[in-house]
Amino acid sequence: MPGVAAVYTAGDLELPAQPPAGNVEAPGGELDQPFDREVLARDRLRFVGEPFAVVIAETFACGQDAAELIGASVDPLNVVTDAERAAEVDAPLLFPDIGTNIAHRLEHDWEQDVLAGADVVVEGRFINQRLAPVPIEADGIAVVPESDGYTVWASTHVPFDVRNDLAELLGVDRRKVRTIAPDVGGGFGAKIPVYPEYLVVARAAQLLARPVRWFETRSESMLGLWHGRAQVHHVRIGARRDGTVVGLRVDIVADMGAYPLGAFLRPGRDPPEEPDPAGCLPLHDLDRNDVRLRRLRHVARSGD
């Protein structure tokens, strides 16, 4: 098609699969390539909107026209869109070789009865709904090959991480990759990752020896940008009739999506005087209130 510079799939770009960020681990605590994500999907699509090919064109309109001519020959797989269902032993598996959808598990003194001595125990199931961050500026990157390296513009809050990852990918010294993060504004957590699209654009620029840029549409952003929250809290709180809180027992199931990233719930801070008001309970002993928070399970899930 006139105006199309190249069409690439995963095999053309020879990009290594990317490991998950944060404390994501396979069963048994092994961190040896669990839940790796292909930069462009190869043999399995795990969420709606997952890219499996890329068109490099002279104009956005030309690229759209070419992309509409590309289709994937796929067979439907069983999906699971509920995190609690994904944690069950008979749930469809996103990564059959791993054998589980649970990406991380943390238990703290779960065997202790922290409600002992309570006169009253109240329990409930609370849903912290899934949300899309929706930054004012959607994601994007431009990579320009120079005579002595590359200049990169990225809508990111972590320009040094972008620089480091792209330098490693392109096989050049970090000093050869100049990364510029313009005025980005609030990203609400979504501008922290180094997205797979960054690597695709950088490799395409290297192969074509010409500038390549990518900016997602708002619809693409809603599908592919990091989502947040999506937690179910099973809570039991015990107290004495004089108003003293005896203990708090919480089992949290956190939906990490198709590819677990940053599987954590803000551990390691000093205990506050009161539970955090921001919607997440901190994962540590609240010794000053004699409250215990116990279990956390992060679950991978397909079929966004």
Protein backbone atom coordinates (compact mmCIF):
# COMPACT_ATOMS: atom_id res chain seq x y z
CA MET A 1 0.00 0.00 0.00
CA PRO A 2 1.43 3.43 -0.90
CA GLY A 3 2.56 5.32 2.16
CA VAL A 4 3.24 2.21 4.28
CA ALA A 5 6.88 1.89 5.30
CA ALA A 6 6.66 -1.47 7.07
CA VAL A 7 4.40 -4.00 8.78
CA TYR A 8 5.90 -5.95 11.65
CA THR A 9 4.85 -8.85 13.85
CA ALA A 10 6.63 -10.22 16.89
CA GLY A 11 8.93 -12.43 14.86
CA ASP A 12 10.11 -9.51 12.73
CA LEU A 13 11.16 -7.32 15.63
CA GLU A 14 12.92 -10.01 17.70
CA LEU A 15 11.97 -8.35 20.96
CA PRO A 16 12.40 -10.34 24.19
CA ALA A 17 9.36 -11.02 26.34
CA GLN A 18 9.08 -8.52 29.18
CA PRO A 19 8.91 -9.73 32.79
CA PRO A 20 6.29 -8.24 35.10
CA ALA A 21 7.24 -5.36 37.35
CA GLY A 22 6.93 -5.38 41.13
CA ASN A 23 6.60 -8.34 43.46
CA VAL A 24 5.07 -10.79 41.00
CA GLU A 25 6.16 -14.37 41.40
CA ALA A 26 5.33 -17.82 40.18
CA PRO A 27 4.13 -20.56 42.58
CA GLY A 28 6.72 -21.40 45.19
CA GLY A 29 8.24 -17.94 45.18
CA GLU A 30 10.25 -18.41 41.99
CA LEU A 31 10.89 -15.21 40.03
CA ASP A 32 12.19 -16.99 36.92
CA GLN A 33 10.20 -15.47 34.04
CA PRO A 34 6.68 -15.72 35.47
CA PHE A 35 3.82 -14.18 33.51
CA ASP A 36 6.14 -12.73 30.86
CA ARG A 37 4.49 -10.53 28.24
CA GLU A 38 5.41 -10.61 24.58
CA VAL A 39 5.77 -7.06 23.32
CA LEU A 40 3.56 -8.08 20.39
CA ALA A 41 1.37 -11.10 21.06
CA ARG A 42 2.53 -14.32 19.41
CA ASP A 43 0.42 -17.42 20.09
CA ARG A 44 -2.22 -16.18 22.55
CA LEU A 45 -4.27 -13.02 23.01
CA ARG A 46 -5.03 -12.38 26.67
CA PHE A 47 -7.09 -9.20 26.62
CA VAL A 48 -9.26 -7.19 24.27
CA GLY A 49 -7.08 -4.73 22.37
CA GLU A 50 -3.77 -6.55 22.83
CA PRO A 51 -1.51 -5.62 19.88
CA PHE A 52 -0.16 -8.40 17.67
CA ALA A 53 1.14 -6.37 14.70
CA VAL A 54 2.27 -2.83 13.94
CA VAL A 55 1.98 -0.71 10.81
CA ILE A 56 4.52 2.04 10.16
CA ALA A 57 3.10 4.57 7.69
CA GLU A 58 3.73 8.09 6.42
CA THR A 59 0.47 9.41 7.90
CA PHE A 60 -1.94 8.41 10.64
CA ALA A 61 -4.76 7.95 8.15
CA CYS A 62 -2.66 5.72 5.93
CA GLY A 63 -1.66 3.64 8.93
CA GLN A 64 -5.30 3.21 9.94
CA ASP A 65 -6.28 2.10 6.46
CA ALA A 66 -3.47 -0.46 6.38
CA ALA A 67 -4.25 -1.74 9.87
CA GLU A 68 -7.85 -2.39 8.87
CA LEU A 69 -6.57 -4.85 6.26
CA ILE A 70 -4.82 -6.94 8.93
CA GLY A 71 -6.71 -9.62 10.81
CA ALA A 72 -5.78 -12.34 13.27
CA SER A 73 -6.77 -15.95 12.71
CA VAL A 74 -7.74 -16.87 16.26
CA ASP A 75 -9.68 -19.56 18.07
CA PRO A 76 -11.78 -18.42 21.04
CA LEU A 77 -10.54 -19.50 24.46
CA ASN A 78 -12.41 -19.73 27.73
CA VAL A 79 -12.18 -16.43 29.58
CA VAL A 80 -12.46 -15.39 33.18
CA THR A 81 -13.30 -11.77 34.00
CA ASP A 82 -13.86 -12.08 37.74
CA ALA A 83 -10.82 -12.05 40.01
CA GLU A 84 -12.34 -14.33 42.66
CA ARG A 85 -13.35 -16.81 39.99
CA ALA A 86 -9.85 -16.58 38.46
CA ALA A 87 -8.35 -17.71 41.78
CA GLU A 88 -10.32 -20.98 41.81
CA VAL A 89 -8.47 -24.17 40.94
CA ASP A 90 -10.65 -24.96 37.92
CA ALA A 91 -10.55 -21.48 36.40
CA PRO A 92 -9.28 -20.99 32.83
CA LEU A 93 -5.55 -20.27 32.91
CA LEU A 94 -3.94 -17.30 31.21
CA PHE A 95 -0.56 -19.02 31.36
CA PRO A 96 -1.15 -22.80 31.30
CA ASP A 97 2.56 -23.54 31.78
CA ILE A 98 2.51 -21.76 35.15
CA GLY A 99 -0.57 -23.63 36.34
CA THR A 100 -2.24 -20.83 38.30
CA ASN A 101 -3.66 -17.34 37.87
CA ILE A 102 -2.38 -16.20 41.26
CA ALA A 103 0.50 -13.84 40.58
CA HIS A 104 1.43 -13.05 44.15
CA ARG A 105 0.34 -14.11 47.62
CA LEU A 106 1.15 -12.42 50.90
CA GLU A 107 0.00 -13.67 54.29
CA HIS A 108 0.90 -12.14 57.61
CA ASP A 109 0.11 -14.05 60.82
CA TRP A 110 -3.00 -15.44 59.14
CA GLU A 111 -3.08 -18.41 61.48
CA GLN A 112 -3.51 -16.20 64.56
CA ASP A 113 -6.98 -15.51 65.89
CA VAL A 114 -6.89 -11.71 66.06
CA LEU A 115 -10.60 -11.63 66.91
CA ALA A 116 -10.18 -13.56 70.14
CA GLY A 117 -11.81 -11.73 73.03
CA ALA A 118 -14.26 -9.82 70.83
CA ASP A 119 -17.82 -9.46 72.08
CA VAL A 120 -19.05 -8.48 68.64
CA VAL A 121 -17.77 -9.45 65.17
CA VAL A 122 -18.98 -7.64 62.07
CA GLU A 123 -18.11 -8.87 58.62
CA GLY A 124 -18.65 -7.66 55.08
CA ARG A 125 -17.54 -7.93 51.49
CA PHE A 126 -16.43 -4.64 49.95
CA ILE A 127 -15.66 -3.98 46.29
CA ASN A 128 -13.12 -1.32 45.35
CA GLN A 129 -14.12 -1.00 41.73
CA ARG A 130 -11.82 -1.22 38.76
CA LEU A 131 -11.01 2.08 37.10
CA ALA A 132 -9.11 3.52 34.18
CA PRO A 133 -6.76 6.40 35.09
CA VAL A 134 -7.72 8.54 32.03
CA PRO A 135 -4.87 11.07 32.05
CA ILE A 136 -5.53 14.26 30.09
CA GLU A 137 -2.80 13.26 27.64
CA ALA A 138 -2.94 9.68 26.37
CA ASP A 139 0.24 7.65 25.99
CA GLY A 140 2.78 8.30 23.25
CA ILE A 141 6.41 8.20 22.24
CA ALA A 142 8.63 9.45 19.41
CA VAL A 143 12.07 7.97 18.65
CA VAL A 144 14.48 9.81 16.35
CA PRO A 145 17.70 8.09 15.25
CA GLU A 146 20.65 10.48 15.30
CA SER A 147 24.20 10.14 14.03
CA ASP A 148 25.45 9.41 17.54
CA GLY A 149 22.42 7.81 19.18
CA TYR A 150 18.71 8.43 19.65
CA THR A 151 16.49 11.25 20.86
CA VAL A 152 13.27 10.14 22.51
CA TRP A 153 10.19 12.10 23.50
CA ALA A 154 7.79 10.19 25.76
CA SER A 155 4.67 10.98 27.74
CA THR A 156 6.06 9.41 30.88
CA HIS A 157 6.87 10.08 34.51
CA VAL A 158 9.94 7.83 34.40
CA PRO A 159 12.22 9.13 31.62
CA PHE A 160 15.29 7.45 33.08
CA ASP A 161 13.58 4.06 33.11
CA VAL A 162 12.55 4.61 29.50
CA ARG A 163 16.12 5.59 28.61
CA ASN A 164 17.61 2.55 30.32
CA ASP A 165 15.21 0.04 28.78
CA LEU A 166 15.52 1.49 25.28
CA ALA A 167 19.32 1.62 25.49
CA GLU A 168 19.41 -2.04 26.46
CA LEU A 169 17.02 -2.95 23.66
CA LEU A 170 18.89 -0.95 21.01
CA GLY A 171 22.28 -2.18 22.15
CA VAL A 172 23.75 1.25 22.85
CA ASP A 173 25.18 3.02 25.87
CA ARG A 174 22.66 4.86 27.99
CA ARG A 175 24.43 8.12 27.19
CA LYS A 176 23.44 7.58 23.56
CA VAL A 177 19.73 7.76 24.35
CA ARG A 178 18.49 11.24 25.20
CA THR A 179 15.01 10.94 26.68
CA ILE A 180 12.77 13.98 27.02
CA ALA A 181 9.60 13.98 29.13
CA PRO A 182 7.72 17.23 28.36
CA ASP A 183 5.07 18.71 30.64
CA VAL A 184 3.04 15.57 31.18
CA GLY A 185 0.75 16.48 34.07
CA GLY A 186 -1.06 13.96 36.23
CA GLY A 187 -0.90 10.35 35.12
CA PHE A 188 -2.62 8.81 38.16
CA GLY A 189 -0.10 5.96 38.16
CA ALA A 190 -0.49 5.13 34.48
CA LYS A 191 2.65 6.97 33.33
CA ILE A 192 4.97 4.87 35.49
CA PRO A 193 5.45 1.75 33.32
CA VAL A 194 7.67 1.39 30.30
CA TYR A 195 4.97 0.21 27.93
CA PRO A 196 5.55 -2.45 25.26
CA GLU A 197 4.66 0.08 22.57
CA TYR A 198 7.77 2.08 23.52
CA LEU A 199 9.95 -0.89 22.65
CA VAL A 200 8.11 -1.51 19.38
CA VAL A 201 8.56 2.11 18.27
CA ALA A 202 12.24 2.13 19.22
CA ARG A 203 12.96 -1.09 17.32
CA ALA A 204 11.05 0.14 14.27
CA ALA A 205 13.04 3.38 14.29
CA GLN A 206 16.24 1.37 14.50
CA LEU A 207 15.29 -0.98 11.66
CA LEU A 208 14.04 1.79 9.38
CA ALA A 209 16.76 4.29 10.37
CA ARG A 210 14.15 7.03 10.46
CA PRO A 211 11.95 8.74 13.06
CA VAL A 212 8.93 6.81 14.27
CA ARG A 213 6.21 8.06 16.59
CA TRP A 214 3.10 6.60 18.17
CA PHE A 215 0.23 8.22 20.03
CA GLU A 216 -2.69 6.20 21.25
CA THR A 217 -6.30 7.24 20.81
CA ARG A 218 -8.52 7.66 23.83
CA SER A 219 -10.27 4.38 23.04
CA GLU A 220 -6.92 2.60 22.84
CA SER A 221 -5.92 4.22 26.12
CA MET A 222 -9.02 2.89 27.85
CA LEU A 223 -8.11 -0.61 26.71
CA GLY A 224 -4.32 -0.72 27.01
CA LEU A 225 -3.21 1.78 29.65
CA TRP A 226 -2.66 0.55 33.20
CA HIS A 227 -5.90 0.15 35.12
CA GLY A 228 -6.20 0.45 38.88
CA ARG A 229 -7.97 -0.72 42.02
CA ALA A 230 -10.19 -3.72 41.15
CA GLN A 231 -10.02 -5.28 44.62
CA VAL A 232 -12.42 -7.30 46.71
CA HIS A 233 -11.99 -6.98 50.48
CA HIS A 234 -13.44 -9.63 52.78
CA VAL A 235 -13.34 -7.93 56.17
CA ARG A 236 -14.06 -9.13 59.72
CA ILE A 237 -13.68 -6.66 62.58
CA GLY A 238 -14.01 -7.57 66.23
CA ALA A 239 -14.64 -5.25 69.15
CA ARG A 240 -15.57 -5.31 72.82
CA ARG A 241 -18.75 -3.71 74.06
CA ASP A 242 -16.82 -0.82 75.56
CA GLY A 243 -15.86 0.25 72.01
CA THR A 244 -12.32 -1.15 71.95
CA VAL A 245 -11.34 -2.66 68.60
CA VAL A 246 -9.82 -6.10 69.16
CA GLY A 247 -8.73 -6.96 65.66
CA LEU A 248 -9.30 -6.57 61.95
CA ARG A 249 -8.98 -9.53 59.61
CA VAL A 250 -8.88 -8.76 55.89
CA ASP A 251 -8.64 -11.10 52.90
CA ILE A 252 -7.97 -9.02 49.77
CA VAL A 253 -8.25 -10.31 46.21
CA ALA A 254 -6.66 -7.88 43.76
CA ASP A 255 -7.31 -8.11 40.03
CA MET A 256 -4.02 -7.59 38.18
CA GLY A 257 -5.40 -7.99 34.67
CA ALA A 258 -3.97 -10.10 31.88
CA TYR A 259 -0.31 -9.29 32.67
CA PRO A 260 0.46 -8.64 36.34
CA LEU A 261 2.36 -5.42 36.93
CA GLY A 262 3.34 -3.93 40.27
CA ALA A 263 1.49 -6.48 42.35
CA PHE A 264 1.52 -4.66 45.66
CA LEU A 265 -0.74 -2.72 48.00
CA ARG A 266 1.60 -0.13 49.50
CA PRO A 267 3.43 -2.23 52.10
CA GLY A 268 6.29 -1.06 54.26
CA ARG A 269 5.06 2.30 55.51
CA ASP A 270 5.03 3.27 59.16
CA PRO A 271 1.71 2.46 60.83
CA PRO A 272 -0.63 5.46 60.71
CA GLU A 273 -2.81 6.59 63.57
CA GLU A 274 -5.89 5.69 61.52
CA PRO A 275 -6.59 3.54 58.43
CA ASP A 276 -5.54 5.26 55.22
CA PRO A 277 -8.47 7.23 53.74
CA ALA A 278 -7.34 6.80 50.14
CA GLY A 279 -9.24 3.56 49.54
CA CYS A 280 -6.47 1.04 50.30
CA LEU A 281 -5.72 -0.51 53.67
CA PRO A 282 -1.97 -0.60 54.38
CA LEU A 283 -0.40 -4.04 54.57
CA HIS A 284 1.23 -4.04 57.97
CA ASP A 285 0.33 -4.31 61.61
CA LEU A 286 -1.46 -1.28 62.92
CA ASP A 287 0.01 -1.87 66.35
CA ARG A 288 -1.15 1.44 67.78
CA ASN A 289 -4.75 0.38 67.22
CA ASP A 290 -4.14 -3.32 67.85
CA VAL A 291 -5.42 -4.09 64.35
CA ARG A 292 -4.04 -6.79 62.07
CA LEU A 293 -4.37 -6.90 58.30
CA ARG A 294 -3.69 -10.33 56.99
CA ARG A 295 -3.96 -11.78 53.53
CA LEU A 296 -3.43 -10.48 50.02
CA ARG A 297 -3.84 -12.38 46.77
CA HIS A 298 -3.09 -10.85 43.38
CA VAL A 299 -4.87 -12.58 40.53
CA ALA A 300 -4.26 -12.44 36.79
CA ARG A 301 -7.38 -12.38 34.67
CA SER A 302 -8.27 -12.55 30.98
CA GLY A 303 -10.97 -11.09 28.78
CA ASP A 304 -10.99 -7.36 29.58
